[in-house]
Each structure stands twice: as structure tokens, then as C-alpha cells.
Amino acid sequence: MVRLQQVLVIVIALGSGCAMPRRPEPAASYSYSTPESGLPLQRLPSVGEDIRLVSHAQIATGTTPEPVVHAVQEAPADNELLPIPMPAEASDELATAGFLDESRLVAEVVARNPSIEAMIAAWEAASLRYPQVIALDDPMLNMSVGPSSWGRSDVESAYMVMASQKLLWPGKRQLRASVTIAEADAAASQIEDTQLRLAEMAKLAFYDYYAAARELALNEDNLRETREFRETAEAKLRASLVTQQDVLQADVELALLERRRNELQRQVKVAAARINTLLHREAVHPLPPPPGALSVTEEPPSLDELHNTAIQRRPDLAALAAQIRADEATLALAWKEYYPDLELYAKYDAFWQEHPLRSAVGVNVNVPLNQSRRCAAVREAESRLLQHRAEYDRLLDEISNELHTNYERLLESNRTSHLFRDRIVPAAEKNVESARAGYTAGNVDFLRLIDAQRQLIELREQQVDTISDYHRRLAELHRAAAVPVESSR
């Protein structure tokens, strides 16, 4: 039975003029890129098929532009698929560099994180529904025979052959195609949204790594200065100028600084593990140290400009706009279900018929009597459309609030970082120098020196945190405004 089925499949394939399909290799595919992100998207188009590329700005505005199309002109031999370069294994260039570069880190994360691959697979699955929904149903072949008429001389052999093809009411196939195209557009927008969020996560992890490593370096400087204070206290103790309490107080401060060093070492390892996880490799993979300093010089664009950019480029907004287009097509399709579908047939009937009457052509039409089912489908489609339109308006409000919040936080971090650099830290350093000179001269007790040093340590760490917060707020603002990854590095 199995062999008979295989023979029938081969006969049908040869009769239709097509070659038997061959399972593609996993690492091979066609590829094209979205106009804005440049991200390679795997695709399996057929010969002559137009690939529709629409910008996210056009999706967000709800317009229906003329698509940018690229038709596949020639099929590979024997359905062989053309390979494209796939992301290589995690490069050691990051580990061998002098310091960890933020731009290279973001590029590596976006290129090899599995989340992108998952979104591409989801988009490919959505796009491959298009040839399924626009295809006609398979034609039907019906054959009947009258077994008792064969081999008899008094009657002719009785048989009947009929071929039929079901046709949808005009417009249904086009609406089905519109639904799948809009859903594929929504899936493509999710790819860019994932790209933006991965870039943001990579930047936040980088700034956590920078802050922990920079504070660890400050901790080493503080330990060295506190040891110098202890040596001064021991010298004054040997000269009977101070009591043992000064030396003991210095030991307490050294122990606290060592405890803080252990905490910062743990933070450095955690931040490095987070970066390696985003790079899709072992958490303990070696990383170079972060840069020695980050500047706070970038002036953000105006809030109105950021808001306009976000409305035009936010991929989650574009995905909702595409979903609304899909809902509109679904609603129109639900109304089309009130119209019947047709089935054309042609047959040759040799059952009890004279020869001139044996051939016939006709049409079968379904009668859409079940109005309640169709009314429910229309109401469902209307409710889905209203739901996604309301979600679109809600998302617009959330984007506006998110932009305002991140923008004000960025301005605050910018002002605070300059305040630390120009006034707070220099004043604290002068305070320590004055207390050290006073302690050496015997005019200031050791506790005041330690308090001044402790204050300087805290303020230096706060300065590093403020600089890191500034860059974190900037990364969040870039993601909220959907600034392209290449432009935000």
C-alpha cells in the first residue's frame, strides 16, 4: 500500500511538471534585509514572487504605500537553496582587546543573541502563511463504476468521471492575503523591537560593569591612602603624640574598605556574567576591563524631535498598526462570508445515459443559511479591531510618558555629574588635604581626618554612579525613541 501511494505521488508530480521537493539543509536560505535595520531575514520565496518591504515609518502612519518589491528571477537548480553567512561562534576579539568597547559589544550582542533568531523564525513562519492562504483548494477527481455492468453483453459498461474545482467568492483570497501580509509585517516589527531592547540591555550591562570596576579601582586608591594615614598614626604613636585609638580607628577603616572591595568584586563578576549571557556564551568567559572614564558631554535632541522620531520608528507601535490592518482585513473577510462560494465541475456520466447526454458541466453553490455564525464572526472581528485601536492609543500615551520621564532623568544626571566634577569632589579633596595637614601638625584629631576621607570615598563612588546613570538614562531614551542601534552607539 505504501509503495502504491509513492507511485501515485510521483505520477502526480510528473504530470504537473514540477520536480519532487528536497529537504533543505538547515544552514541554507535566501535572505533579504529590512530597509531600516539592515538585519538579514531568512526567506524561502518562489520563482517570480514579489517580496514586500515596507518601512516602519509607513506602517506607523497607517498608510498603504507602494511596496518595494524584489522578485526572485531564477530558482536554484533542483530547488537547491542559496546559503548565506550565519553568525560565527563568539569571537575572542572582545577578550583580547585592551578594554571593552561599548559599540563592539552592542554589535556582538545584536548579532548573536538567540532572541533575534527566535524573532526571525517567528517572522518567517508568519510570512510563509501567504502562499497557503491564497492557494486554491486542490481540484477533486471523482470516479465511479457499476461493477455489475462490466463484461455483460446486454448493457454498456457503466462508469462516471467528474473533475471539480472550488472557487472562493471574489475578494476573499485577496483579503486573506492582506491579513497574512499585515501579520508578517507585525512579526518583522518585533525583530527590530527585539534588536533595540537587546542593544539597551547590552548598554545597561556595560555601564554596570564600568561602575563596579571603576569603584573597585577607587577602592584600591582609598586603601592605599588609608594605609598611609595608619602609618602616620603609628609614627605619631611612637612619638607619644597620639593614643592607640588612632591606630585602631585606622584598622577599622581598612577592614571596612576590604569588605567593600569584596562587595565590588562580586558586582564586577555579576556584571561580566550578564554581558557574557547576552553574548550567548559561558558566564565566566574572560572580558577585558572597561574604559578608564566615560564622558558626559552629549546634549540630547529636543523632546519634540524625540517624540516625532518615536512615533515614526517605534517598532511596537508599527506592530500594532500592522495588527490593526490585519483586523480591518479580517472584518472585511467576515462580511464576505455572507456570500456563497462556487464549485465548478465537468463530468462524463455513462450511467443509464444515451451517448449525447453523457457529458455535463455545472456549478455547486453553498447556501449561507447559518446567519448567526456569520454575525458572531463579524462582531468578533469588530471587537478585535476596537481592542487593538484602543491599545494603539494607550501605547501612544505610554510612549509620551516614557520619553518625558527618561528625558528629565537624563537632564538631572547631566547636571548632577557636572556638579560632582566641578564642585563637590574638588571640595571634598581639599577637605581631606586640609585635615591631613592639620593632623600632621597636631591641630586636627584622627577622627576628623577619617571622617573627611570617608566622605571623599562616598562622594567619589557617587560620582561614578552619577556618570553611569547618565549613560543608562541615555540608553533608555534611545530605546524609547527607537533611535537605530548604529546611530546610538
Protein backbone atom coordinates (compact mmCIF):
# COMPACT_ATOMS: atom_id res chain seq x y z
CA MET A 1 0.00 0.00 0.00
CA VAL A 2 2.81 2.41 0.89
CA ARG A 3 4.61 1.70 -2.40
CA LEU A 4 1.36 2.35 -4.32
CA GLN A 5 0.99 5.74 -2.60
CA GLN A 6 4.57 6.66 -3.51
CA VAL A 7 3.93 5.74 -7.16
CA LEU A 8 0.79 7.89 -7.23
CA VAL A 9 2.65 10.86 -5.75
CA ILE A 10 5.41 10.56 -8.37
CA VAL A 11 2.87 10.27 -11.20
CA ILE A 12 1.01 13.39 -9.99
CA ALA A 13 4.26 15.32 -9.64
CA LEU A 14 5.43 14.38 -13.12
CA GLY A 15 2.03 15.15 -14.57
CA SER A 16 2.06 18.65 -13.05
CA GLY A 17 5.51 19.39 -14.43
CA CYS A 18 7.21 20.02 -11.06
CA ALA A 19 10.21 18.35 -9.50
CA MET A 20 9.99 16.48 -6.25
CA PRO A 21 10.97 18.81 -3.39
CA ARG A 22 14.15 18.14 -1.50
CA ARG A 23 14.58 18.88 2.19
CA PRO A 24 16.84 21.96 2.52
CA GLU A 25 19.96 21.99 4.59
CA PRO A 26 19.44 23.77 7.94
CA ALA A 27 22.17 26.38 7.30
CA ALA A 28 20.92 27.44 3.86
CA SER A 29 18.31 30.05 2.97
CA TYR A 30 17.50 33.05 0.89
CA SER A 31 17.98 36.37 2.60
CA TYR A 32 16.94 39.94 2.34
CA SER A 33 17.12 42.87 4.73
CA THR A 34 14.59 45.35 6.01
CA PRO A 35 15.34 48.85 4.66
CA GLU A 36 15.89 50.40 8.08
CA SER A 37 17.53 47.84 10.33
CA GLY A 38 19.60 46.02 7.69
CA LEU A 39 19.02 42.83 9.64
CA PRO A 40 19.17 39.70 7.47
CA LEU A 41 15.83 37.90 7.37
CA GLN A 42 15.69 34.32 6.18
CA ARG A 43 13.11 33.68 3.46
CA LEU A 44 12.14 30.92 1.02
CA PRO A 45 10.46 32.71 -1.94
CA SER A 46 9.24 31.02 -5.09
CA VAL A 47 10.09 31.99 -8.64
CA GLY A 48 8.53 35.29 -9.62
CA GLU A 49 7.28 36.00 -6.11
CA ASP A 50 7.38 39.64 -5.05
CA ILE A 51 8.86 40.24 -1.62
CA ARG A 52 7.13 43.18 0.04
CA LEU A 53 9.32 45.57 2.04
CA VAL A 54 7.57 48.41 3.82
CA SER A 55 9.29 50.86 6.15
CA HIS A 56 8.19 51.05 9.77
CA ALA A 57 7.52 54.75 9.34
CA GLN A 58 4.89 53.91 6.72
CA ILE A 59 3.44 51.19 8.94
CA ALA A 60 3.14 53.57 11.89
CA THR A 61 1.24 56.17 9.87
CA GLY A 62 -1.28 53.59 8.75
CA THR A 63 -0.74 54.34 5.07
CA THR A 64 -0.71 51.74 2.32
CA PRO A 65 2.33 52.66 0.24
CA GLU A 66 3.54 51.09 -2.92
CA PRO A 67 5.74 48.24 -1.70
CA VAL A 68 9.37 47.93 -2.57
CA VAL A 69 9.45 44.59 -4.36
CA HIS A 70 12.22 42.29 -5.34
CA ALA A 71 11.14 39.36 -7.50
CA VAL A 72 13.06 36.12 -7.47
CA GLN A 73 14.06 35.79 -11.11
CA GLU A 74 15.65 32.38 -11.15
CA ALA A 75 15.29 29.32 -8.98
CA PRO A 76 18.35 27.33 -7.90
CA ALA A 77 18.85 24.03 -9.64
CA ASP A 78 16.85 21.17 -8.16
CA ASN A 79 15.38 23.50 -5.51
CA GLU A 80 18.83 23.94 -4.02
CA LEU A 81 18.83 26.82 -1.57
CA LEU A 82 21.46 29.53 -1.61
CA PRO A 83 23.50 29.71 1.61
CA ILE A 84 24.08 32.98 3.43
CA PRO A 85 26.74 33.66 6.07
CA MET A 86 25.42 32.83 9.51
CA PRO A 87 26.75 34.31 12.78
CA ALA A 88 30.02 32.70 13.70
CA GLU A 89 30.98 31.46 17.12
CA ALA A 90 31.59 34.06 19.78
CA SER A 91 34.71 35.97 18.82
CA ASP A 92 37.61 36.40 21.23
CA GLU A 93 38.24 39.90 19.95
CA LEU A 94 36.40 41.29 22.94
CA ALA A 95 38.58 39.31 25.33
CA THR A 96 41.87 40.24 23.65
CA ALA A 97 41.14 43.95 23.29
CA GLY A 98 42.79 46.48 25.58
CA PHE A 99 39.43 47.50 27.01
CA LEU A 100 35.80 46.61 26.44
CA ASP A 101 34.39 48.76 23.64
CA GLU A 102 30.71 49.61 24.02
CA SER A 103 29.95 49.83 20.29
CA ARG A 104 31.55 46.46 19.53
CA LEU A 105 29.77 44.90 22.48
CA VAL A 106 26.36 46.11 21.28
CA ALA A 107 27.08 44.88 17.76
CA GLU A 108 28.13 41.44 19.03
CA VAL A 109 25.06 41.09 21.27
CA VAL A 110 22.64 42.06 18.50
CA ALA A 111 24.39 39.71 16.06
CA ARG A 112 24.46 36.53 18.13
CA ASN A 113 21.81 36.67 20.86
CA PRO A 114 19.27 33.82 20.44
CA SER A 115 16.34 36.22 20.89
CA ILE A 116 16.95 37.63 17.41
CA GLU A 117 16.98 34.15 15.89
CA ALA A 118 13.68 33.37 17.62
CA MET A 119 12.06 36.54 16.26
CA ILE A 120 13.34 35.82 12.76
CA ALA A 121 11.85 32.33 12.94
CA ALA A 122 8.52 33.80 14.07
CA TRP A 123 8.57 36.26 11.16
CA GLU A 124 9.44 33.51 8.69
CA ALA A 125 6.57 31.37 9.97
CA ALA A 126 4.17 34.30 9.56
CA SER A 127 5.39 35.12 6.05
CA LEU A 128 5.12 31.52 4.90
CA ARG A 129 1.38 31.58 5.56
CA TYR A 130 0.91 33.82 2.50
CA PRO A 131 1.21 31.12 -0.20
CA GLN A 132 -1.02 28.87 1.89
CA VAL A 133 -3.96 31.26 2.23
CA ILE A 134 -4.01 32.46 -1.38
CA ALA A 135 -3.80 29.00 -2.91
CA LEU A 136 -6.92 27.42 -4.35
CA ASP A 137 -8.17 24.17 -2.92
CA ASP A 138 -6.92 21.09 -4.68
CA PRO A 139 -9.09 20.05 -7.63
CA MET A 140 -11.18 16.98 -6.96
CA LEU A 141 -11.38 13.94 -9.22
CA ASN A 142 -14.36 11.65 -8.74
CA MET A 143 -14.57 8.24 -10.44
CA SER A 144 -17.46 5.76 -10.15
CA VAL A 145 -18.13 2.45 -11.84
CA GLY A 146 -21.02 -0.02 -11.95
CA PRO A 147 -19.31 -3.38 -11.31
CA SER A 148 -22.27 -5.48 -12.42
CA SER A 149 -22.31 -3.84 -15.88
CA TRP A 150 -18.78 -4.82 -16.82
CA GLY A 151 -18.45 -7.93 -19.02
CA ARG A 152 -22.12 -8.03 -19.92
CA SER A 153 -23.42 -8.02 -23.48
CA ASP A 154 -26.88 -6.65 -22.83
CA VAL A 155 -25.78 -3.31 -21.34
CA GLU A 156 -22.84 -0.96 -21.81
CA SER A 157 -20.21 -0.67 -19.10
CA ALA A 158 -21.39 1.91 -16.55
CA TYR A 159 -18.92 4.49 -15.23
CA MET A 160 -18.69 8.17 -14.37
CA VAL A 161 -15.71 10.57 -14.27
CA MET A 162 -16.02 14.05 -12.77
CA ALA A 163 -13.47 16.81 -12.08
CA SER A 164 -14.31 19.82 -9.91
CA GLN A 165 -12.61 22.96 -8.61
CA LYS A 166 -13.76 25.08 -5.69
CA LEU A 167 -13.59 28.85 -6.17
CA LEU A 168 -13.98 31.41 -3.39
CA TRP A 169 -16.23 34.42 -3.78
CA PRO A 170 -14.30 37.25 -5.46
CA GLY A 171 -12.23 39.22 -2.97
CA LYS A 172 -11.87 36.52 -0.29
CA ARG A 173 -8.40 35.38 -1.37
CA GLN A 174 -7.14 38.97 -1.56
CA LEU A 175 -8.44 39.70 1.95
CA ARG A 176 -6.83 36.53 3.29
CA ALA A 177 -3.56 37.65 1.72
CA SER A 178 -3.93 41.10 3.29
CA VAL A 179 -4.34 39.52 6.73
CA THR A 180 -1.20 37.40 6.40
CA ILE A 181 0.87 40.27 4.97
CA ALA A 182 -0.12 42.52 7.87
CA GLU A 183 0.65 39.79 10.40
CA ALA A 184 4.05 39.24 8.75
CA ASP A 185 4.70 43.00 8.97
CA ALA A 186 3.88 42.85 12.68
CA ALA A 187 6.31 39.96 13.16
CA ALA A 188 9.01 41.88 11.26
CA SER A 189 8.49 44.85 13.60
CA GLN A 190 9.05 42.53 16.55
CA ILE A 191 12.51 41.75 15.18
CA GLU A 192 13.51 45.41 15.26
CA ASP A 193 11.93 45.84 18.70
CA THR A 194 13.99 42.92 20.00
CA GLN A 195 17.08 44.44 18.41
CA LEU A 196 16.50 47.75 20.20
CA ARG A 197 15.86 46.07 23.54
CA LEU A 198 18.94 43.89 23.22
CA ALA A 199 21.04 46.98 22.49
CA GLU A 200 19.59 48.65 25.59
CA MET A 201 20.29 45.61 27.78
CA ALA A 202 23.85 45.37 26.47
CA LYS A 203 24.46 49.03 27.26
CA LEU A 204 22.97 48.77 30.75
CA ALA A 205 25.12 45.72 31.50
CA PHE A 206 28.17 47.56 30.16
CA TYR A 207 27.55 50.55 32.45
CA ASP A 208 27.03 48.28 35.45
CA TYR A 209 30.35 46.63 34.61
CA TYR A 210 32.01 50.03 34.24
CA ALA A 211 30.64 51.36 37.54
CA ALA A 212 31.66 48.28 39.54
CA ALA A 213 35.15 48.15 38.01
CA ARG A 214 35.71 51.89 38.41
CA GLU A 215 34.59 51.83 42.05
CA LEU A 216 36.86 48.83 42.63
CA ALA A 217 39.79 50.87 41.31
CA LEU A 218 38.80 53.75 43.60
CA ASN A 219 38.65 51.29 46.47
CA GLU A 220 42.30 50.35 45.86
CA ASP A 221 43.25 54.04 45.93
CA ASN A 222 41.31 54.53 49.15
CA LEU A 223 43.01 51.53 50.74
CA ARG A 224 46.43 52.94 49.84
CA GLU A 225 45.59 56.37 51.27
CA THR A 226 44.11 54.89 54.46
CA ARG A 227 47.26 52.78 54.96
CA GLU A 228 49.27 55.97 54.67
CA PHE A 229 47.06 57.51 57.37
CA ARG A 230 47.72 54.48 59.58
CA GLU A 231 51.45 54.77 59.07
CA THR A 232 51.25 58.43 60.09
CA ALA A 233 49.23 57.48 63.18
CA GLU A 234 51.78 54.79 64.13
CA ALA A 235 54.62 57.27 63.79
CA LYS A 236 52.82 59.76 66.00
CA LEU A 237 52.03 56.95 68.47
CA ARG A 238 55.70 56.01 68.72
CA ALA A 239 56.43 59.66 69.40
CA SER A 240 53.74 59.61 72.09
CA LEU A 241 51.84 62.33 70.29
CA VAL A 242 48.58 60.37 69.95
CA THR A 243 46.89 57.44 71.64
CA GLN A 244 46.43 53.87 70.46
CA GLN A 245 42.86 54.76 69.44
CA ASP A 246 44.06 56.47 66.23
CA VAL A 247 45.77 53.30 65.02
CA LEU A 248 42.76 51.17 65.97
CA GLN A 249 40.42 53.53 64.15
CA ALA A 250 42.61 53.23 61.05
CA ASP A 251 42.39 49.42 61.29
CA VAL A 252 38.61 49.64 61.45
CA GLU A 253 38.52 51.81 58.33
CA LEU A 254 40.85 49.42 56.49
CA ALA A 255 38.62 46.46 57.38
CA LEU A 256 35.54 48.32 56.12
CA LEU A 257 37.29 49.14 52.86
CA GLU A 258 38.27 45.49 52.41
CA ARG A 259 34.64 44.48 52.98
CA ARG A 260 33.63 46.98 50.34
CA ARG A 261 36.26 45.54 47.99
CA ASN A 262 34.71 42.07 48.33
CA GLU A 263 31.31 43.52 47.50
CA LEU A 264 32.63 45.34 44.43
CA GLN A 265 34.47 42.24 43.20
CA ARG A 266 31.18 40.36 43.35
CA GLN A 267 29.45 43.14 41.38
CA VAL A 268 32.15 43.03 38.69
CA LYS A 269 31.71 39.27 38.28
CA VAL A 270 27.92 39.53 38.15
CA ALA A 271 28.03 42.30 35.52
CA ALA A 272 30.55 40.32 33.45
CA ALA A 273 28.36 37.22 33.65
CA ARG A 274 25.39 39.28 32.44
CA ILE A 275 27.40 40.53 29.45
CA ASN A 276 28.54 37.02 28.56
CA THR A 277 24.96 35.76 28.82
CA LEU A 278 23.83 38.39 26.35
CA LEU A 279 26.66 37.27 24.08
CA HIS A 280 25.34 33.68 24.31
CA ARG A 281 28.47 32.21 25.83
CA GLU A 282 29.74 30.93 29.17
CA ALA A 283 29.21 33.30 32.09
CA VAL A 284 32.87 33.00 33.16
CA HIS A 285 34.26 33.84 29.71
CA PRO A 286 37.07 36.40 30.12
CA LEU A 287 36.30 40.04 29.44
CA PRO A 288 38.71 42.95 29.14
CA PRO A 289 38.35 45.78 31.66
CA PRO A 290 36.04 48.67 30.88
CA PRO A 291 37.44 52.04 29.78
CA GLY A 292 39.00 54.20 32.46
CA ALA A 293 36.46 57.01 32.16
CA LEU A 294 33.21 57.91 30.43
CA SER A 295 32.49 61.44 29.31
CA VAL A 296 29.28 63.35 29.91
CA THR A 297 29.25 65.75 27.02
CA GLU A 298 26.43 64.65 24.74
CA GLU A 299 23.49 67.01 24.56
CA PRO A 300 20.23 65.20 23.81
CA PRO A 301 18.00 66.44 20.98
CA SER A 302 14.83 68.31 21.76
CA LEU A 303 11.96 66.42 23.31
CA ASP A 304 9.66 67.24 20.39
CA GLU A 305 12.17 65.77 17.96
CA LEU A 306 12.47 62.61 20.04
CA HIS A 307 8.68 62.30 20.24
CA ASN A 308 8.29 62.61 16.46
CA THR A 309 11.06 60.05 15.92
CA ALA A 310 9.41 57.62 18.31
CA ILE A 311 6.00 57.91 16.60
CA GLN A 312 7.58 57.20 13.22
CA ARG A 313 10.03 54.48 14.23
CA ARG A 314 8.79 52.64 17.34
CA PRO A 315 8.55 49.01 16.16
CA ASP A 316 5.99 48.04 18.81
CA LEU A 317 3.78 50.88 17.56
CA ALA A 318 4.34 49.69 14.00
CA ALA A 319 3.42 46.14 15.04
CA LEU A 320 0.12 47.36 16.48
CA ALA A 321 -0.57 49.39 13.33
CA ALA A 322 0.03 46.26 11.27
CA GLN A 323 -2.27 44.28 13.56
CA ILE A 324 -4.98 46.91 13.04
CA ARG A 325 -4.62 46.48 9.29
CA ALA A 326 -4.95 42.73 9.76
CA ASP A 327 -8.09 43.25 11.87
CA GLU A 328 -9.61 45.51 9.21
CA ALA A 329 -8.99 42.86 6.55
CA THR A 330 -10.38 40.18 8.87
CA LEU A 331 -13.54 42.23 9.36
CA ALA A 332 -13.98 42.68 5.61
CA LEU A 333 -13.43 38.95 5.16
CA ALA A 334 -16.07 38.20 7.79
CA TRP A 335 -18.57 40.26 5.81
CA LYS A 336 -17.57 38.35 2.65
CA GLU A 337 -18.61 35.10 4.34
CA TYR A 338 -22.25 36.09 3.74
CA TYR A 339 -21.63 35.38 0.05
CA PRO A 340 -21.51 31.80 -1.25
CA ASP A 341 -18.51 30.02 -2.71
CA LEU A 342 -18.65 28.22 -6.04
CA GLU A 343 -17.57 24.79 -7.17
CA LEU A 344 -17.26 24.27 -10.91
CA TYR A 345 -17.40 20.74 -12.25
CA ALA A 346 -17.33 18.81 -15.50
CA LYS A 347 -18.27 15.15 -15.80
CA TYR A 348 -18.79 12.32 -18.21
CA ASP A 349 -21.57 10.03 -17.00
CA ALA A 350 -22.09 6.63 -18.62
CA PHE A 351 -24.70 5.50 -16.08
CA TRP A 352 -28.00 4.82 -17.85
CA GLN A 353 -27.49 7.71 -20.28
CA GLU A 354 -27.66 7.90 -24.04
CA HIS A 355 -24.37 8.92 -25.60
CA PRO A 356 -25.30 12.57 -26.47
CA LEU A 357 -26.26 13.19 -22.80
CA ARG A 358 -23.23 11.73 -21.14
CA SER A 359 -21.12 14.92 -20.82
CA ALA A 360 -22.17 17.71 -18.49
CA VAL A 361 -20.81 20.85 -16.79
CA GLY A 362 -22.27 22.61 -13.80
CA VAL A 363 -21.72 24.51 -10.60
CA ASN A 364 -22.32 23.77 -6.93
CA VAL A 365 -23.07 26.68 -4.59
CA ASN A 366 -23.18 26.57 -0.83
CA VAL A 367 -26.22 28.28 0.69
CA PRO A 368 -25.16 30.53 3.63
CA LEU A 369 -28.22 29.96 5.78
CA ASN A 370 -26.48 29.95 9.16
CA GLN A 371 -26.58 33.71 9.73
CA SER A 372 -25.89 33.53 13.48
CA ARG A 373 -22.41 32.09 12.93
CA ARG A 374 -21.56 34.79 10.42
CA CYS A 375 -22.97 37.57 12.58
CA ALA A 376 -20.86 36.35 15.51
CA ALA A 377 -17.75 36.31 13.31
CA VAL A 378 -18.40 39.92 12.25
CA ARG A 379 -18.92 41.07 15.84
CA GLU A 380 -15.78 39.24 16.93
CA ALA A 381 -13.74 40.93 14.20
CA GLU A 382 -15.18 44.34 15.17
CA SER A 383 -14.28 43.77 18.83
CA ARG A 384 -10.72 42.75 17.94
CA LEU A 385 -10.37 45.87 15.82
CA LEU A 386 -11.63 48.12 18.62
CA GLN A 387 -9.32 46.39 21.09
CA HIS A 388 -6.18 46.97 19.05
CA ARG A 389 -7.13 50.55 18.21
CA ALA A 390 -7.51 51.25 21.93
CA GLU A 391 -4.17 49.55 22.61
CA TYR A 392 -2.59 51.74 19.93
CA ASP A 393 -3.87 54.89 21.64
CA ARG A 394 -2.71 53.58 25.02
CA LEU A 395 0.74 52.86 23.65
CA LEU A 396 0.95 56.41 22.27
CA ASP A 397 0.30 57.74 25.78
CA GLU A 398 2.88 55.38 27.29
CA ILE A 399 5.50 56.44 24.74
CA SER A 400 4.91 60.11 25.53
CA ASN A 401 5.18 59.49 29.27
CA GLU A 402 8.26 57.30 28.87
CA LEU A 403 10.03 59.91 26.76
CA HIS A 404 9.28 62.73 29.20
CA THR A 405 10.40 60.67 32.20
CA ASN A 406 13.66 59.47 30.65
CA TYR A 407 14.41 62.91 29.26
CA GLU A 408 14.07 64.60 32.65
CA ARG A 409 16.16 61.87 34.29
CA LEU A 410 18.84 62.40 31.68
CA LEU A 411 18.93 66.14 32.28
CA GLU A 412 19.12 65.56 36.03
CA SER A 413 22.03 63.12 35.66
CA ASN A 414 23.79 65.56 33.33
CA ARG A 415 23.52 68.44 35.81
CA THR A 416 24.45 66.26 38.79
CA SER A 417 27.54 64.81 37.09
CA HIS A 418 28.83 68.29 36.29
CA LEU A 419 28.13 69.35 39.89
CA PHE A 420 30.22 66.43 41.19
CA ARG A 421 33.03 67.17 38.75
CA ASP A 422 33.21 70.94 39.24
CA ARG A 423 32.30 71.47 42.90
CA ILE A 424 31.54 68.51 45.14
CA VAL A 425 34.55 66.22 44.59
CA PRO A 426 37.16 69.04 44.40
CA ALA A 427 35.83 70.49 47.67
CA ALA A 428 35.97 67.07 49.36
CA GLU A 429 39.57 66.53 48.15
CA LYS A 430 40.61 69.89 49.57
CA ASN A 431 38.89 68.99 52.82
CA VAL A 432 40.95 65.78 53.11
CA GLU A 433 44.18 67.63 52.28
CA SER A 434 43.40 70.22 54.97
CA ALA A 435 42.55 67.54 57.53
CA ARG A 436 45.73 65.60 56.72
CA ALA A 437 47.88 68.69 57.11
CA GLY A 438 46.11 69.57 60.35
CA TYR A 439 46.58 66.04 61.72
CA THR A 440 50.25 66.04 60.82
CA ALA A 441 50.66 69.39 62.56
CA GLY A 442 48.66 68.18 65.55
CA ASN A 443 45.81 70.64 65.11
CA VAL A 444 43.18 68.07 63.98
CA ASP A 445 42.35 64.75 65.62
CA PHE A 446 42.43 61.49 63.68
CA LEU A 447 38.66 61.05 63.76
CA ARG A 448 38.12 64.24 61.76
CA LEU A 449 40.69 63.05 59.21
CA ILE A 450 38.96 59.69 58.89
CA ASP A 451 35.56 61.37 58.55
CA ALA A 452 36.87 63.60 55.76
CA GLN A 453 38.40 60.60 53.97
CA ARG A 454 35.22 58.53 54.36
CA GLN A 455 33.19 61.41 52.91
CA LEU A 456 35.55 61.68 49.94
CA ILE A 457 35.28 57.92 49.31
CA GLU A 458 31.48 58.06 49.29
CA LEU A 459 31.38 61.10 47.03
CA ARG A 460 33.77 59.56 44.51
CA GLU A 461 31.59 56.45 44.30
CA GLN A 462 28.51 58.64 43.92
CA GLN A 463 30.25 60.49 41.09
CA VAL A 464 30.88 57.21 39.26
CA ASP A 465 27.27 56.15 39.84
CA THR A 466 26.04 59.50 38.50
CA ILE A 467 28.10 59.17 35.32
CA SER A 468 26.84 55.61 34.86
CA ASP A 469 23.27 56.74 35.49
CA TYR A 470 23.64 59.42 32.83
CA HIS A 471 24.62 56.84 30.21
CA ARG A 472 21.89 54.46 31.43
CA ARG A 473 19.28 57.18 31.01
CA LEU A 474 20.68 57.96 27.57
CA ALA A 475 20.43 54.31 26.54
CA GLU A 476 16.83 54.13 27.81
CA LEU A 477 15.98 57.33 25.95
CA HIS A 478 17.46 55.97 22.72
CA ARG A 479 15.40 52.82 23.04
CA ALA A 480 12.22 54.77 23.91
CA ALA A 481 12.69 56.99 20.85
CA ALA A 482 13.64 53.97 18.67
CA VAL A 483 16.97 55.52 17.68
CA PRO A 484 18.65 52.98 15.35
CA VAL A 485 21.27 50.84 17.03
CA GLU A 486 24.01 52.07 14.69
CA SER A 487 23.17 55.71 15.44
CA SER A 488 23.02 55.26 19.21
CA ARG A 489 26.47 53.77 19.65
